[in-house]
């Protein structure tokens, strides 16, 4: 696909929610400010380097939130500039520790940890649904590539029924008990 056609294809699909990041949202993004709170909370437990922070947030959010180095490292630098963290290089990597003021801020935070909100809140439910959708697309692709004519016909029936049931779900009264 030539560059111009690929761009038009990506733009058209992104507009409808299936572009990079899927469904019109970024990959595992949490709300503004959450990366700061998450870093302070993690460093309150132990000193870490940037990639440990990224890995911990991803694991603790069950994959619902995977912060990029482009969000973590500038935030660490900002926290260092504010005097909330300090960095040292004990083993060649910059490891970050909370200062006394940083520890005070981390301990003052109330409520669920930011990664818990991403894993179990609205965003977590969204990303779980998105993950299932992409798993379904993978299965559809396999059937399309290796299935015989009867399997392709059956796959179409299954997908039509799934679509019908999803629209029916939206048409139900949310206050009434599930049937």
Protein backbone atom coordinates (compact mmCIF):
# COMPACT_ATOMS: atom_id res chain seq x y z
CA UNK A 1 0.00 0.00 0.00
CA UNK A 2 1.52 3.31 -0.98
CA UNK A 3 2.22 5.90 1.67
CA UNK A 4 -0.69 8.17 0.72
CA UNK A 5 -3.21 5.32 0.60
CA UNK A 6 -1.93 3.93 3.91
CA UNK A 7 -2.36 7.35 5.53
CA UNK A 8 -5.92 7.65 4.21
CA UNK A 9 -6.67 4.09 5.39
CA UNK A 10 -5.28 4.77 8.89
CA UNK A 11 -7.11 8.09 9.12
CA UNK A 12 -10.43 6.56 8.05
CA UNK A 13 -10.14 3.71 10.56
CA UNK A 14 -8.83 5.87 13.39
CA UNK A 15 -11.83 8.14 12.94
CA UNK A 16 -14.06 5.15 13.53
CA UNK A 17 -12.10 3.99 16.54
CA UNK A 18 -9.95 1.17 15.16
CA UNK A 19 -6.75 3.11 14.51
CA UNK A 20 -3.62 2.98 16.57
CA UNK A 21 -4.57 2.88 20.23
CA UNK A 22 -7.92 1.27 19.38
CA UNK A 23 -11.45 2.56 19.86
CA UNK A 24 -10.35 6.19 19.72
CA UNK A 25 -8.42 6.07 23.00
CA UNK A 26 -4.73 5.77 23.72
CA UNK A 27 -3.07 2.54 24.73
CA UNK A 28 -3.57 2.12 28.45
CA UNK A 29 -3.79 5.78 29.30
CA UNK A 30 -4.87 6.93 32.72
CA UNK A 31 -6.13 10.37 33.64
CA UNK A 32 -3.96 13.47 33.69
CA UNK A 33 -1.84 13.61 36.85
CA UNK A 34 -2.06 9.90 37.56
CA UNK A 35 1.51 9.22 36.45
CA UNK A 36 2.77 11.67 39.05
CA UNK A 37 0.69 10.06 41.82
CA UNK A 38 1.71 6.57 40.68
CA UNK A 39 5.42 7.43 40.71
CA UNK A 40 5.22 8.93 44.19
CA UNK A 41 3.28 5.89 45.46
CA UNK A 42 5.77 3.42 44.00
CA UNK A 43 8.81 5.30 45.25
CA UNK A 44 7.24 5.36 48.73
CA UNK A 45 7.63 1.56 48.68
CA UNK A 46 11.23 1.44 47.42
CA UNK A 47 13.73 3.23 45.17
CA UNK A 48 13.27 2.38 41.47
CA UNK A 49 14.59 3.27 38.05
CA UNK A 50 12.30 4.44 35.26
CA UNK A 51 11.71 1.10 33.58
CA UNK A 52 10.89 -0.52 36.92
CA UNK A 53 8.21 2.14 37.40
CA UNK A 54 6.77 1.44 33.94
CA UNK A 55 6.78 -2.32 34.56
CA UNK A 56 5.22 -2.01 38.03
CA UNK A 57 2.38 0.22 36.82
CA UNK A 58 1.67 -2.15 33.94
CA UNK A 59 1.69 -5.23 36.20
CA UNK A 60 -0.34 -3.64 38.97
CA UNK A 61 -2.98 -2.37 36.54
CA UNK A 62 -3.13 -5.86 34.98
CA UNK A 63 -2.00 -4.37 31.68
CA UNK A 64 -4.74 -1.74 31.58
CA UNK A 65 -2.23 1.11 31.88
CA UNK A 66 1.20 0.98 30.27
CA UNK A 67 2.81 4.38 30.68
CA UNK A 68 5.38 5.30 28.06
CA UNK A 69 8.94 6.39 28.80
CA UNK A 70 7.85 9.71 27.28
CA UNK A 71 5.48 10.25 30.20
CA UNK A 72 7.53 8.68 33.02
CA UNK A 73 10.93 10.29 32.51
CA UNK A 74 9.74 13.89 32.13
CA UNK A 75 7.58 13.41 35.24
CA UNK A 76 10.58 12.06 37.17
CA UNK A 77 12.58 15.09 36.04
CA UNK A 78 9.78 17.43 37.16
CA UNK A 79 9.57 15.70 40.54
CA UNK A 80 13.34 16.04 40.88
CA UNK A 81 13.14 19.75 39.98
CA UNK A 82 10.45 20.18 42.65
CA UNK A 83 12.65 18.50 45.26
CA UNK A 84 10.30 15.54 45.73
CA UNK A 85 12.69 12.89 44.38
CA UNK A 86 16.43 12.57 44.09
CA UNK A 87 18.37 10.38 41.71
CA UNK A 88 21.57 8.41 42.17
CA UNK A 89 23.46 5.87 40.04
CA UNK A 90 24.40 2.94 42.28
CA UNK A 91 24.62 0.38 39.43
CA UNK A 92 24.86 2.54 36.32
CA UNK A 93 21.12 3.24 36.14
CA UNK A 94 19.52 6.33 37.58
CA UNK A 95 17.56 5.15 40.59
CA UNK A 96 15.02 7.52 42.12
CA UNK A 97 14.29 7.93 45.82
CA UNK A 98 11.73 10.09 47.58
CA UNK A 99 12.97 13.07 49.57
CA UNK A 100 11.32 13.85 52.91
CA UNK A 101 8.97 16.28 51.17
CA UNK A 102 8.19 13.68 48.50
CA UNK A 103 7.39 11.09 51.17
CA UNK A 104 5.04 13.58 52.86
CA UNK A 105 3.19 14.12 49.57
CA UNK A 106 3.00 10.40 48.84
CA UNK A 107 1.60 9.63 52.29
CA UNK A 108 -0.95 12.46 52.05
CA UNK A 109 -2.62 10.92 48.99
CA UNK A 110 -5.94 9.26 49.73
CA UNK A 111 -8.02 6.77 47.81
CA UNK A 112 -7.17 3.92 45.51
CA UNK A 113 -3.78 3.80 43.84
CA UNK A 114 -3.84 5.14 40.27
CA UNK A 115 -3.08 1.71 38.79
CA UNK A 116 -6.04 0.23 40.67
CA UNK A 117 -8.34 2.81 39.12
CA UNK A 118 -6.98 1.92 35.68
CA UNK A 119 -7.36 -1.82 36.30
CA UNK A 120 -10.80 -1.83 37.92
CA UNK A 121 -12.46 1.46 37.14
CA UNK A 122 -14.18 2.59 33.98
CA UNK A 123 -10.90 2.70 32.09
CA UNK A 124 -10.06 -0.85 33.22
CA UNK A 125 -13.42 -2.18 32.03
CA UNK A 126 -12.95 -0.39 28.72
CA UNK A 127 -9.48 -1.85 28.18
CA UNK A 128 -10.67 -5.33 29.15
CA UNK A 129 -13.43 -5.06 26.52
CA UNK A 130 -10.96 -3.72 23.98
CA UNK A 131 -8.59 -6.62 24.67
CA UNK A 132 -11.38 -9.15 24.17
CA UNK A 133 -12.34 -7.44 20.91
CA UNK A 134 -8.82 -7.70 19.55
CA UNK A 135 -8.67 -11.35 20.64
CA UNK A 136 -11.90 -11.92 18.73
CA UNK A 137 -10.45 -10.20 15.67
CA UNK A 138 -7.44 -12.53 15.87
CA UNK A 139 -9.74 -15.56 15.90
CA UNK A 140 -11.73 -14.17 12.96
CA UNK A 141 -8.52 -13.67 11.02
CA UNK A 142 -7.49 -17.29 11.65
CA UNK A 143 -10.85 -18.61 10.47
CA UNK A 144 -10.69 -16.37 7.38
CA UNK A 145 -7.20 -17.61 6.53
CA UNK A 146 -7.59 -21.36 7.09
CA UNK A 147 -11.30 -22.11 7.35
CA UNK A 148 -13.24 -23.94 4.69
CA UNK A 149 -16.43 -22.53 3.15
CA UNK A 150 -18.70 -24.07 5.80
CA UNK A 151 -16.55 -22.64 8.62
CA UNK A 152 -16.56 -19.20 6.99
CA UNK A 153 -20.37 -19.29 6.73
CA UNK A 154 -20.68 -20.38 10.38
CA UNK A 155 -18.25 -17.64 11.50
CA UNK A 156 -20.44 -15.06 9.75
CA UNK A 157 -23.51 -16.39 11.57
CA UNK A 158 -21.69 -16.20 14.92
CA UNK A 159 -20.56 -12.63 14.30
CA UNK A 160 -24.04 -11.49 13.16
CA UNK A 161 -25.53 -13.01 16.32
CA UNK A 162 -22.90 -11.39 18.55
CA UNK A 163 -23.56 -7.99 16.95
CA UNK A 164 -27.33 -8.45 17.39
CA UNK A 165 -26.88 -9.35 21.07
CA UNK A 166 -24.64 -6.34 21.71
CA UNK A 167 -27.19 -3.95 20.23
CA UNK A 168 -29.92 -5.71 22.21
CA UNK A 169 -27.84 -5.13 25.35
CA UNK A 170 -27.78 -1.40 24.63
CA UNK A 171 -31.54 -1.37 24.06
CA UNK A 172 -32.27 -2.93 27.47
CA UNK A 173 -33.39 -0.81 30.37
CA UNK A 174 -30.31 -0.54 32.65
CA UNK A 175 -32.56 -0.41 35.73
CA UNK A 176 -34.25 -3.73 35.00
CA UNK A 177 -32.61 -7.00 36.11
CA UNK A 178 -30.74 -8.97 33.45
CA UNK A 179 -32.76 -11.69 31.77
